[in-house]
Amino acid sequence: MTELDVQLAKTLLNNTRSIIPIYVAGIHNTRLALALLMGMPPSELQDIVGGSGVVPEATTDIAVGIPADLLRRRPDIRQAELLAASQSTRIGIATADLYPSFRLIGSVGFSAESGGDVFESDSDYNFGIFDFNWKILNYGRLRNRIRMEDARYQQAILAYENTVLNAAREVESSLMNFAQAKERVKVLEQSVKAARRAVDLSQAQYRDGVISYTLVLDAQQFLLLNEDLLTVAKGSVANSLIATNKALGGGWQIRDGQPLLSDDIKSDMNDRVNWGDLLETDTPMEASQEDRDTWRTPDL
């Protein structure tokens, strides 16, 4: 082996070592982001994640199920649906101003010049007022307000439909990315296998004096490149799987049957404010089909 071969080998070795700090910094930043997402200090996350080990491989199958049911678990779709429902009720509130309103106001009390006369029969007083209000002269303004609320309701409906369509697009896109990422991994695995065989052959030919060491370094560098591509491709499979579960509203079942607020949080909130029994109702609101059928515009 000549001095040139030694220096070329050192160059390849140091180039490979220079990549390690980049990955170390990436792992550290990812741990910080994961700790923030889980709402815990990074030191506690270290106990859960543990040290170095084998990178887990993503499952090759996804239970898609019924898309309509899975999409309804998405928070953005539920939000858009409930916003449309709340806007529908505003139409009814605006329509109520077209009709007359009645109010009965009264007061009962005691009045006396001295404390001893408070309980005398002539010290009590009471009065009542009957109020009738009908905005009959403002029908044009009231009808325009109803039309305005109806336009906002139609806007909310279109936003809901657009949210559903976007969710369907994300599901189809993530499923395609997941399938193609798995195919790419299969091809790159064959490429890495061939590159390793090329390294073995080049080393054998170098020992026999057939080729120079430069070709050995080229084969090793090509193997390193393909192994790096394979690692990235496996990461793409995991990322595509995460994106698919996110698009399908996955993760909602984690809190299934569990309270939204822990007992400690409820205790702290009750210490600050008297919530009564309101905190005991923590099941997400589900609208029945009968309720959704009423989310429509009243006749003007």
C-alpha atoms as a PDB file:
ATOM      1  CA  MET A   1       0.000   0.000   0.000  1.00  0.00           C
ATOM      2  CA  THR A   2       1.422   3.356  -1.012  1.00  0.00           C
ATOM      3  CA  GLU A   3       1.248   6.687   0.835  1.00  0.00           C
ATOM      4  CA  LEU A   4      -1.423   7.812  -1.642  1.00  0.00           C
ATOM      5  CA  ASP A   5      -3.636   4.879  -0.699  1.00  0.00           C
ATOM      6  CA  VAL A   6      -3.229   5.664   3.005  1.00  0.00           C
ATOM      7  CA  GLN A   7      -4.189   9.334   2.562  1.00  0.00           C
ATOM      8  CA  LEU A   8      -7.185   8.456   0.427  1.00  0.00           C
ATOM      9  CA  ALA A   9      -8.350   6.004   3.089  1.00  0.00           C
ATOM     10  CA  LYS A  10      -7.953   8.634   5.793  1.00  0.00           C
ATOM     11  CA  THR A  11      -9.917  11.128   3.692  1.00  0.00           C
ATOM     12  CA  LEU A  12     -12.818   8.717   3.313  1.00  0.00           C
ATOM     13  CA  LEU A  13     -12.702   7.853   7.024  1.00  0.00           C
ATOM     14  CA  ASN A  14     -12.735  11.477   8.175  1.00  0.00           C
ATOM     15  CA  ASN A  15     -15.481  12.396   5.715  1.00  0.00           C
ATOM     16  CA  THR A  16     -17.578   9.632   7.212  1.00  0.00           C
ATOM     17  CA  ARG A  17     -16.811  10.741  10.762  1.00  0.00           C
ATOM     18  CA  SER A  18     -17.772  14.339   9.918  1.00  0.00           C
ATOM     19  CA  ILE A  19     -21.373  13.236   9.374  1.00  0.00           C
ATOM     20  CA  ILE A  20     -21.722  11.961  12.949  1.00  0.00           C
ATOM     21  CA  PRO A  21     -22.031  15.418  14.680  1.00  0.00           C
ATOM     22  CA  ILE A  22     -24.869  16.325  12.325  1.00  0.00           C
ATOM     23  CA  TYR A  23     -26.845  13.259  13.361  1.00  0.00           C
ATOM     24  CA  VAL A  24     -26.022  13.770  17.054  1.00  0.00           C
ATOM     25  CA  ALA A  25     -27.374  17.341  16.910  1.00  0.00           C
ATOM     26  CA  GLY A  26     -30.445  16.132  15.023  1.00  0.00           C
ATOM     27  CA  ILE A  27     -31.161  13.465  17.649  1.00  0.00           C
ATOM     28  CA  HIS A  28     -30.813  16.021  20.442  1.00  0.00           C
ATOM     29  CA  ASN A  29     -33.146  18.524  18.760  1.00  0.00           C
ATOM     30  CA  THR A  30     -35.667  15.789  18.037  1.00  0.00           C
ATOM     31  CA  ARG A  31     -35.679  14.769  21.695  1.00  0.00           C
ATOM     32  CA  LEU A  32     -36.358  18.385  22.706  1.00  0.00           C
ATOM     33  CA  ALA A  33     -39.221  18.659  20.232  1.00  0.00           C
ATOM     34  CA  LEU A  34     -40.672  15.342  21.410  1.00  0.00           C
ATOM     35  CA  ALA A  35     -40.434  16.442  25.055  1.00  0.00           C
ATOM     36  CA  LEU A  36     -42.301  19.644  24.210  1.00  0.00           C
ATOM     37  CA  LEU A  37     -44.963  17.690  22.351  1.00  0.00           C
ATOM     38  CA  MET A  38     -45.477  15.357  25.310  1.00  0.00           C
ATOM     39  CA  GLY A  39     -45.404  18.208  27.842  1.00  0.00           C
ATOM     40  CA  MET A  40     -42.529  16.958  29.962  1.00  0.00           C
ATOM     41  CA  PRO A  41     -38.939  17.971  30.710  1.00  0.00           C
ATOM     42  CA  PRO A  42     -36.276  16.428  28.440  1.00  0.00           C
ATOM     43  CA  SER A  43     -34.755  14.609  31.418  1.00  0.00           C
ATOM     44  CA  GLU A  44     -37.960  12.620  31.950  1.00  0.00           C
ATOM     45  CA  LEU A  45     -38.167  11.787  28.257  1.00  0.00           C
ATOM     46  CA  GLN A  46     -34.713  10.247  28.409  1.00  0.00           C
ATOM     47  CA  ASP A  47     -36.011   7.589  30.799  1.00  0.00           C
ATOM     48  CA  ILE A  48     -38.792   6.692  28.363  1.00  0.00           C
ATOM     49  CA  VAL A  49     -36.796   6.723  25.139  1.00  0.00           C
ATOM     50  CA  GLY A  50     -33.709   5.110  26.606  1.00  0.00           C
ATOM     51  CA  GLY A  51     -30.299   4.920  25.014  1.00  0.00           C
ATOM     52  CA  SER A  52     -29.099   3.685  21.665  1.00  0.00           C
ATOM     53  CA  GLY A  53     -30.648   0.640  20.089  1.00  0.00           C
ATOM     54  CA  VAL A  54     -32.125  -0.801  16.949  1.00  0.00           C
ATOM     55  CA  VAL A  55     -34.298   1.592  14.967  1.00  0.00           C
ATOM     56  CA  PRO A  56     -37.859   0.179  15.029  1.00  0.00           C
ATOM     57  CA  GLU A  57     -39.318  -0.652  11.657  1.00  0.00           C
ATOM     58  CA  ALA A  58     -42.748   0.545  10.646  1.00  0.00           C
ATOM     59  CA  THR A  59     -45.496  -1.977  10.096  1.00  0.00           C
ATOM     60  CA  THR A  60     -46.160  -2.922   6.493  1.00  0.00           C
ATOM     61  CA  ASP A  61     -49.957  -2.885   6.817  1.00  0.00           C
ATOM     62  CA  ILE A  62     -52.397  -0.081   7.655  1.00  0.00           C
ATOM     63  CA  ALA A  63     -55.954  -0.753   8.817  1.00  0.00           C
ATOM     64  CA  VAL A  64     -57.737   2.035   6.971  1.00  0.00           C
ATOM     65  CA  GLY A  65     -61.254   0.895   7.838  1.00  0.00           C
ATOM     66  CA  ILE A  66     -64.211   3.049   6.784  1.00  0.00           C
ATOM     67  CA  PRO A  67     -62.838   6.426   5.604  1.00  0.00           C
ATOM     68  CA  ALA A  68     -65.990   8.316   6.611  1.00  0.00           C
ATOM     69  CA  ASP A  69     -65.728   7.182  10.223  1.00  0.00           C
ATOM     70  CA  LEU A  70     -61.994   7.703  10.388  1.00  0.00           C
ATOM     71  CA  LEU A  71     -62.162  11.199   8.901  1.00  0.00           C
ATOM     72  CA  ARG A  72     -64.710  12.262  11.511  1.00  0.00           C
ATOM     73  CA  ARG A  73     -62.069  11.671  14.156  1.00  0.00           C
ATOM     74  CA  ARG A  74     -59.940  14.471  12.732  1.00  0.00           C
ATOM     75  CA  PRO A  75     -60.036  17.557  14.974  1.00  0.00           C
ATOM     76  CA  ASP A  76     -60.163  19.978  12.038  1.00  0.00           C
ATOM     77  CA  ILE A  77     -63.247  18.271  10.581  1.00  0.00           C
ATOM     78  CA  ARG A  78     -64.988  18.186  13.948  1.00  0.00           C
ATOM     79  CA  GLN A  79     -64.176  21.844  14.473  1.00  0.00           C
ATOM     80  CA  ALA A  80     -65.510  22.842  11.042  1.00  0.00           C
ATOM     81  CA  GLU A  81     -68.669  20.803  11.631  1.00  0.00           C
ATOM     82  CA  LEU A  82     -69.397  22.363  15.008  1.00  0.00           C
ATOM     83  CA  LEU A  83     -68.655  25.865  13.700  1.00  0.00           C
ATOM     84  CA  ALA A  84     -71.289  25.322  11.018  1.00  0.00           C
ATOM     85  CA  ALA A  85     -73.717  24.029  13.649  1.00  0.00           C
ATOM     86  CA  SER A  86     -73.177  27.053  15.896  1.00  0.00           C
ATOM     87  CA  GLN A  87     -73.658  29.410  12.945  1.00  0.00           C
ATOM     88  CA  SER A  88     -76.934  27.650  12.132  1.00  0.00           C
ATOM     89  CA  THR A  89     -78.260  28.521  15.585  1.00  0.00           C
ATOM     90  CA  ARG A  90     -77.405  32.193  14.996  1.00  0.00           C
ATOM     91  CA  ILE A  91     -79.872  32.185  12.119  1.00  0.00           C
ATOM     92  CA  GLY A  92     -82.610  31.129  14.536  1.00  0.00           C
ATOM     93  CA  ILE A  93     -81.563  33.817  17.022  1.00  0.00           C
ATOM     94  CA  ALA A  94     -81.769  36.468  14.327  1.00  0.00           C
ATOM     95  CA  THR A  95     -85.143  35.111  13.168  1.00  0.00           C
ATOM     96  CA  ALA A  96     -86.554  35.421  16.690  1.00  0.00           C
ATOM     97  CA  ASP A  97     -86.343  39.225  16.418  1.00  0.00           C
ATOM     98  CA  LEU A  98     -89.132  39.134  13.807  1.00  0.00           C
ATOM     99  CA  TYR A  99     -91.630  38.139  16.497  1.00  0.00           C
ATOM    100  CA  PRO A 100     -92.916  40.131  19.479  1.00  0.00           C
ATOM    101  CA  SER A 101     -91.389  39.705  22.908  1.00  0.00           C
ATOM    102  CA  PHE A 102     -93.077  39.993  26.291  1.00  0.00           C
ATOM    103  CA  ARG A 103     -91.557  40.831  29.641  1.00  0.00           C
ATOM    104  CA  LEU A 104     -93.000  41.036  33.152  1.00  0.00           C
ATOM    105  CA  ILE A 105     -90.917  43.127  35.548  1.00  0.00           C
ATOM    106  CA  GLY A 106     -91.789  43.430  39.230  1.00  0.00           C
ATOM    107  CA  SER A 107     -90.337  44.263  42.622  1.00  0.00           C
ATOM    108  CA  VAL A 108     -91.345  43.526  46.222  1.00  0.00           C
ATOM    109  CA  GLY A 109     -89.751  45.092  49.309  1.00  0.00           C
ATOM    110  CA  PHE A 110     -90.084  46.982  52.624  1.00  0.00           C
ATOM    111  CA  SER A 111     -89.515  50.645  53.340  1.00  0.00           C
ATOM    112  CA  ALA A 112     -89.643  52.485  56.699  1.00  0.00           C
ATOM    113  CA  GLU A 113     -88.094  55.519  58.341  1.00  0.00           C
ATOM    114  CA  SER A 114     -86.886  53.518  61.349  1.00  0.00           C
ATOM    115  CA  GLY A 115     -85.871  49.934  61.914  1.00  0.00           C
ATOM    116  CA  GLY A 116     -88.781  49.216  64.204  1.00  0.00           C
ATOM    117  CA  ASP A 117     -91.345  50.100  61.529  1.00  0.00           C
ATOM    118  CA  VAL A 118     -89.952  47.704  58.921  1.00  0.00           C
ATOM    119  CA  PHE A 119     -92.288  44.875  59.882  1.00  0.00           C
ATOM    120  CA  GLU A 120     -95.416  47.036  60.011  1.00  0.00           C
ATOM    121  CA  SER A 121     -98.137  46.199  57.510  1.00  0.00           C
ATOM    122  CA  ASP A 122     -97.927  49.576  55.826  1.00  0.00           C
ATOM    123  CA  SER A 123     -94.143  49.394  55.265  1.00  0.00           C
ATOM    124  CA  ASP A 124     -94.214  46.905  52.388  1.00  0.00           C
ATOM    125  CA  TYR A 125     -94.418  47.970  48.788  1.00  0.00           C
ATOM    126  CA  ASN A 126     -94.587  46.249  45.409  1.00  0.00           C
ATOM    127  CA  PHE A 127     -95.056  47.129  41.784  1.00  0.00           C
ATOM    128  CA  GLY A 128     -95.132  45.372  38.420  1.00  0.00           C
ATOM    129  CA  ILE A 129     -94.663  46.357  34.801  1.00  0.00           C
ATOM    130  CA  PHE A 130     -95.778  44.455  31.719  1.00  0.00           C
ATOM    131  CA  ASP A 131     -93.559  45.165  28.715  1.00  0.00           C
ATOM    132  CA  PHE A 132     -94.440  44.406  25.082  1.00  0.00           C
ATOM    133  CA  ASN A 133     -91.849  44.889  22.354  1.00  0.00           C
ATOM    134  CA  TRP A 134     -92.204  44.278  18.631  1.00  0.00           C
ATOM    135  CA  LYS A 135     -89.681  45.670  16.167  1.00  0.00           C
ATOM    136  CA  ILE A 136     -92.280  45.861  13.444  1.00  0.00           C
ATOM    137  CA  LEU A 137     -90.815  49.012  11.899  1.00  0.00           C
ATOM    138  CA  ASN A 138     -87.350  47.398  11.510  1.00  0.00           C
ATOM    139  CA  TYR A 139     -88.380  44.409   9.415  1.00  0.00           C
ATOM    140  CA  GLY A 140     -86.033  45.338   6.580  1.00  0.00           C
ATOM    141  CA  ARG A 141     -83.017  45.543   8.872  1.00  0.00           C
ATOM    142  CA  LEU A 142     -83.999  42.320  10.673  1.00  0.00           C
ATOM    143  CA  ARG A 143     -84.426  40.402   7.428  1.00  0.00           C
ATOM    144  CA  ASN A 144     -81.063  41.638   6.192  1.00  0.00           C
ATOM    145  CA  ARG A 145     -79.495  40.440   9.422  1.00  0.00           C
ATOM    146  CA  ILE A 146     -81.030  37.004   8.883  1.00  0.00           C
ATOM    147  CA  ARG A 147     -79.666  36.948   5.338  1.00  0.00           C
ATOM    148  CA  MET A 148     -76.249  37.932   6.670  1.00  0.00           C
ATOM    149  CA  GLU A 149     -76.277  35.084   9.197  1.00  0.00           C
ATOM    150  CA  ASP A 150     -77.443  32.708   6.465  1.00  0.00           C
ATOM    151  CA  ALA A 151     -74.550  33.810   4.226  1.00  0.00           C
ATOM    152  CA  ARG A 152     -72.130  33.156   7.074  1.00  0.00           C
ATOM    153  CA  TYR A 153     -73.728  29.756   7.569  1.00  0.00           C
ATOM    154  CA  GLN A 154     -73.238  28.957   3.883  1.00  0.00           C
ATOM    155  CA  GLN A 155     -69.627  30.074   4.234  1.00  0.00           C
ATOM    156  CA  ALA A 156     -69.183  27.708   7.187  1.00  0.00           C
ATOM    157  CA  ILE A 157     -70.730  24.857   5.182  1.00  0.00           C
ATOM    158  CA  LEU A 158     -68.326  25.436   2.298  1.00  0.00           C
ATOM    159  CA  ALA A 159     -65.418  25.597   4.743  1.00  0.00           C
ATOM    160  CA  TYR A 160     -66.563  22.269   6.224  1.00  0.00           C
ATOM    161  CA  GLU A 161     -66.808  20.654   2.791  1.00  0.00           C
ATOM    162  CA  ASN A 162     -63.386  21.995   1.837  1.00  0.00           C
ATOM    163  CA  THR A 163     -61.928  20.607   5.075  1.00  0.00           C
ATOM    164  CA  VAL A 164     -63.352  17.164   4.306  1.00  0.00           C
ATOM    165  CA  LEU A 165     -62.006  17.251   0.742  1.00  0.00           C
ATOM    166  CA  ASN A 166     -58.594  18.327   1.972  1.00  0.00           C
ATOM    167  CA  ALA A 167     -58.617  15.509   4.521  1.00  0.00           C
ATOM    168  CA  ALA A 168     -59.441  12.982   1.796  1.00  0.00           C
ATOM    169  CA  ARG A 169     -56.591  14.378  -0.312  1.00  0.00           C
ATOM    170  CA  GLU A 170     -54.158  14.025   2.572  1.00  0.00           C
ATOM    171  CA  VAL A 171     -55.232  10.416   3.150  1.00  0.00           C
ATOM    172  CA  GLU A 172     -54.768   9.449  -0.502  1.00  0.00           C
ATOM    173  CA  SER A 173     -51.452  11.278  -0.739  1.00  0.00           C
ATOM    174  CA  SER A 174     -50.030   9.768   2.449  1.00  0.00           C
ATOM    175  CA  LEU A 175     -51.118   6.259   1.465  1.00  0.00           C
ATOM    176  CA  MET A 176     -49.417   6.629  -1.916  1.00  0.00           C
ATOM    177  CA  ASN A 177     -46.243   7.993  -0.308  1.00  0.00           C
ATOM    178  CA  PHE A 178     -46.228   5.112   2.165  1.00  0.00           C
ATOM    179  CA  ALA A 179     -46.598   2.487  -0.560  1.00  0.00           C
ATOM    180  CA  GLN A 180     -43.930   4.034  -2.784  1.00  0.00           C
ATOM    181  CA  ALA A 181     -41.524   4.489   0.131  1.00  0.00           C
ATOM    182  CA  LYS A 182     -41.728   0.759   0.869  1.00  0.00           C
ATOM    183  CA  GLU A 183     -40.999  -0.029  -2.776  1.00  0.00           C
ATOM    184  CA  ARG A 184     -37.991   2.290  -2.690  1.00  0.00           C
ATOM    185  CA  VAL A 185     -36.648   0.499   0.377  1.00  0.00           C
ATOM    186  CA  LYS A 186     -36.840  -2.845  -1.433  1.00  0.00           C
ATOM    187  CA  VAL A 187     -34.859  -1.518  -4.403  1.00  0.00           C
ATOM    188  CA  LEU A 188     -32.242   0.153  -2.208  1.00  0.00           C
ATOM    189  CA  GLU A 189     -31.782  -3.017  -0.188  1.00  0.00           C
ATOM    190  CA  GLN A 190     -30.786  -4.785  -3.407  1.00  0.00           C
ATOM    191  CA  SER A 191     -28.479  -1.895  -4.251  1.00  0.00           C
ATOM    192  CA  VAL A 192     -26.754  -2.086  -0.844  1.00  0.00           C
ATOM    193  CA  LYS A 193     -26.377  -5.839  -1.223  1.00  0.00           C
ATOM    194  CA  ALA A 194     -24.710  -5.363  -4.592  1.00  0.00           C
ATOM    195  CA  ALA A 195     -22.485  -2.575  -3.258  1.00  0.00           C
ATOM    196  CA  ARG A 196     -21.265  -4.780  -0.402  1.00  0.00           C
ATOM    197  CA  ARG A 197     -20.463  -7.523  -2.885  1.00  0.00           C
ATOM    198  CA  ALA A 198     -18.551  -4.971  -4.959  1.00  0.00           C
ATOM    199  CA  VAL A 199     -16.496  -3.968  -1.905  1.00  0.00           C
ATOM    200  CA  ASP A 200     -15.594  -7.602  -1.199  1.00  0.00           C
ATOM    201  CA  LEU A 201     -14.579  -8.169  -4.817  1.00  0.00           C
ATOM    202  CA  SER A 202     -12.519  -4.987  -4.979  1.00  0.00           C
ATOM    203  CA  GLN A 203     -10.661  -5.867  -1.786  1.00  0.00           C
ATOM    204  CA  ALA A 204      -9.938  -9.377  -3.111  1.00  0.00           C
ATOM    205  CA  GLN A 205      -8.674  -8.014  -6.430  1.00  0.00           C
ATOM    206  CA  TYR A 206      -6.545  -5.422  -4.633  1.00  0.00           C
ATOM    207  CA  ARG A 207      -4.909  -8.112  -2.526  1.00  0.00           C
ATOM    208  CA  ASP A 208      -4.175 -10.023  -5.727  1.00  0.00           C
ATOM    209  CA  GLY A 209      -2.628  -6.908  -7.247  1.00  0.00           C
ATOM    210  CA  VAL A 210      -5.161  -6.669 -10.056  1.00  0.00           C
ATOM    211  CA  ILE A 211      -6.514  -3.177  -9.240  1.00  0.00           C
ATOM    212  CA  SER A 212      -5.309  -0.131  -7.325  1.00  0.00           C
ATOM    213  CA  TYR A 213      -6.578   0.859  -3.902  1.00  0.00           C
ATOM    214  CA  THR A 214      -8.418   3.813  -5.439  1.00  0.00           C
ATOM    215  CA  LEU A 215     -11.034   1.443  -6.842  1.00  0.00           C
ATOM    216  CA  VAL A 216     -11.453  -0.079  -3.387  1.00  0.00           C
ATOM    217  CA  LEU A 217     -12.106   3.361  -1.939  1.00  0.00           C
ATOM    218  CA  ASP A 218     -14.580   4.101  -4.719  1.00  0.00           C
ATOM    219  CA  ALA A 219     -16.448   0.880  -3.952  1.00  0.00           C
ATOM    220  CA  GLN A 220     -16.525   1.675  -0.230  1.00  0.00           C
ATOM    221  CA  GLN A 221     -17.693   5.217  -0.887  1.00  0.00           C
ATOM    222  CA  PHE A 222     -20.440   3.914  -3.182  1.00  0.00           C
ATOM    223  CA  LEU A 223     -21.491   1.477  -0.439  1.00  0.00           C
ATOM    224  CA  LEU A 224     -21.625   4.309   2.092  1.00  0.00           C
ATOM    225  CA  LEU A 225     -23.776   6.374  -0.254  1.00  0.00           C
ATOM    226  CA  ASN A 226     -26.265   3.543  -0.817  1.00  0.00           C
ATOM    227  CA  GLU A 227     -26.450   2.692   2.886  1.00  0.00           C
ATOM    228  CA  ASP A 228     -27.203   6.335   3.632  1.00  0.00           C
ATOM    229  CA  LEU A 229     -29.940   6.366   0.976  1.00  0.00           C
ATOM    230  CA  LEU A 230     -31.393   3.167   2.440  1.00  0.00           C
ATOM    231  CA  THR A 231     -31.475   4.679   5.928  1.00  0.00           C
ATOM    232  CA  VAL A 232     -33.221   7.791   4.636  1.00  0.00           C
ATOM    233  CA  ALA A 233     -35.703   5.641   2.714  1.00  0.00           C
ATOM    234  CA  LYS A 234     -36.555   3.644   5.854  1.00  0.00           C
ATOM    235  CA  GLY A 235     -37.105   6.930   7.661  1.00  0.00           C
ATOM    236  CA  SER A 236     -39.431   8.004   4.846  1.00  0.00           C
ATOM    237  CA  VAL A 237     -41.488   4.852   5.400  1.00  0.00           C
ATOM    238  CA  ALA A 238     -41.901   5.743   9.082  1.00  0.00           C
ATOM    239  CA  ASN A 239     -42.703   9.371   8.272  1.00  0.00           C
ATOM    240  CA  SER A 240     -45.245   8.319   5.641  1.00  0.00           C
ATOM    241  CA  LEU A 241     -46.864   5.978   8.146  1.00  0.00           C
ATOM    242  CA  ILE A 242     -47.084   8.795  10.685  1.00  0.00           C
ATOM    243  CA  ALA A 243     -48.569  11.115   8.055  1.00  0.00           C
ATOM    244  CA  THR A 244     -51.126   8.438   7.124  1.00  0.00           C
ATOM    245  CA  ASN A 245     -52.229   7.928  10.721  1.00  0.00           C
ATOM    246  CA  LYS A 246     -52.429  11.681  11.176  1.00  0.00           C
ATOM    247  CA  ALA A 247     -54.513  12.083   8.024  1.00  0.00           C
ATOM    248  CA  LEU A 248     -56.858   9.324   9.204  1.00  0.00           C
ATOM    249  CA  GLY A 249     -57.305  10.980  12.576  1.00  0.00           C
ATOM    250  CA  GLY A 250     -55.286   8.279  14.327  1.00  0.00           C
ATOM    251  CA  GLY A 251     -54.491   8.660  17.983  1.00  0.00           C
ATOM    252  CA  TRP A 252     -58.000   9.656  19.037  1.00  0.00           C
ATOM    253  CA  GLN A 253     -58.515   6.234  20.583  1.00  0.00           C
ATOM    254  CA  ILE A 254     -55.639   6.829  23.002  1.00  0.00           C
ATOM    255  CA  ARG A 255     -57.969   8.867  25.240  1.00  0.00           C
ATOM    256  CA  ASP A 256     -60.960   6.618  24.617  1.00  0.00           C
ATOM    257  CA  GLY A 257     -62.701   5.960  27.936  1.00  0.00           C
ATOM    258  CA  GLN A 258     -60.280   8.224  29.821  1.00  0.00           C
ATOM    259  CA  PRO A 259     -61.126  11.652  31.294  1.00  0.00           C
ATOM    260  CA  LEU A 260     -60.058  14.728  29.411  1.00  0.00           C
ATOM    261  CA  LEU A 261     -58.781  16.368  32.607  1.00  0.00           C
ATOM    262  CA  SER A 262     -56.866  14.608  35.340  1.00  0.00           C
ATOM    263  CA  ASP A 263     -58.024  14.715  38.948  1.00  0.00           C
ATOM    264  CA  ASP A 264     -55.143  17.031  39.888  1.00  0.00           C
ATOM    265  CA  ILE A 265     -56.097  19.558  37.204  1.00  0.00           C
ATOM    266  CA  LYS A 266     -59.750  19.423  38.256  1.00  0.00           C
ATOM    267  CA  SER A 267     -58.753  19.992  41.870  1.00  0.00           C
ATOM    268  CA  ASP A 268     -56.653  23.026  40.946  1.00  0.00           C
ATOM    269  CA  MET A 269     -59.458  24.498  38.843  1.00  0.00           C
ATOM    270  CA  ASN A 270     -61.998  23.998  41.625  1.00  0.00           C
ATOM    271  CA  ASP A 271     -59.641  25.713  44.069  1.00  0.00           C
ATOM    272  CA  ARG A 272     -59.569  28.780  41.821  1.00  0.00           C
ATOM    273  CA  VAL A 273     -63.222  28.812  40.695  1.00  0.00           C
ATOM    274  CA  ASN A 274     -66.345  26.965  41.807  1.00  0.00           C
ATOM    275  CA  TRP A 275     -67.059  24.802  38.754  1.00  0.00           C
ATOM    276  CA  GLY A 276     -69.733  22.676  40.398  1.00  0.00           C
ATOM    277  CA  ASP A 277     -70.414  19.527  38.382  1.00  0.00           C
ATOM    278  CA  LEU A 278     -69.351  21.000  35.039  1.00  0.00           C
ATOM    279  CA  LEU A 279     -65.905  19.402  35.105  1.00  0.00           C
ATOM    280  CA  GLU A 280     -67.401  15.949  35.528  1.00  0.00           C
ATOM    281  CA  THR A 281     -68.799  16.064  31.977  1.00  0.00           C
ATOM    282  CA  ASP A 282     -65.721  15.587  29.845  1.00  0.00           C
ATOM    283  CA  THR A 283     -67.031  13.424  26.995  1.00  0.00           C
ATOM    284  CA  PRO A 284     -66.546  15.163  23.627  1.00  0.00           C
ATOM    285  CA  MET A 285     -69.827  16.397  22.213  1.00  0.00           C
ATOM    286  CA  GLU A 286     -71.233  14.133  19.543  1.00  0.00           C
ATOM    287  CA  ALA A 287     -73.997  15.427  17.323  1.00  0.00           C
ATOM    288  CA  SER A 288     -76.639  12.941  16.303  1.00  0.00           C
ATOM    289  CA  GLN A 289     -77.953  12.717  12.763  1.00  0.00           C
ATOM    290  CA  GLU A 290     -81.234  14.219  13.938  1.00  0.00           C
ATOM    291  CA  ASP A 291     -79.401  17.251  15.290  1.00  0.00           C
ATOM    292  CA  ARG A 292     -77.355  17.638  12.108  1.00  0.00           C
ATOM    293  CA  ASP A 293     -80.562  17.556  10.046  1.00  0.00           C
ATOM    294  CA  THR A 294     -81.738  20.678  11.880  1.00  0.00           C
ATOM    295  CA  TRP A 295     -78.641  22.631  10.796  1.00  0.00           C
ATOM    296  CA  ARG A 296     -80.335  24.182   7.816  1.00  0.00           C
ATOM    297  CA  THR A 297     -81.549  27.601   6.840  1.00  0.00           C
ATOM    298  CA  PRO A 298     -85.098  28.580   7.907  1.00  0.00           C
ATOM    299  CA  ASP A 299     -87.480  29.909   5.315  1.00  0.00           C
ATOM    300  CA  LEU A 300     -87.485  33.669   4.988  1.00  0.00           C
END
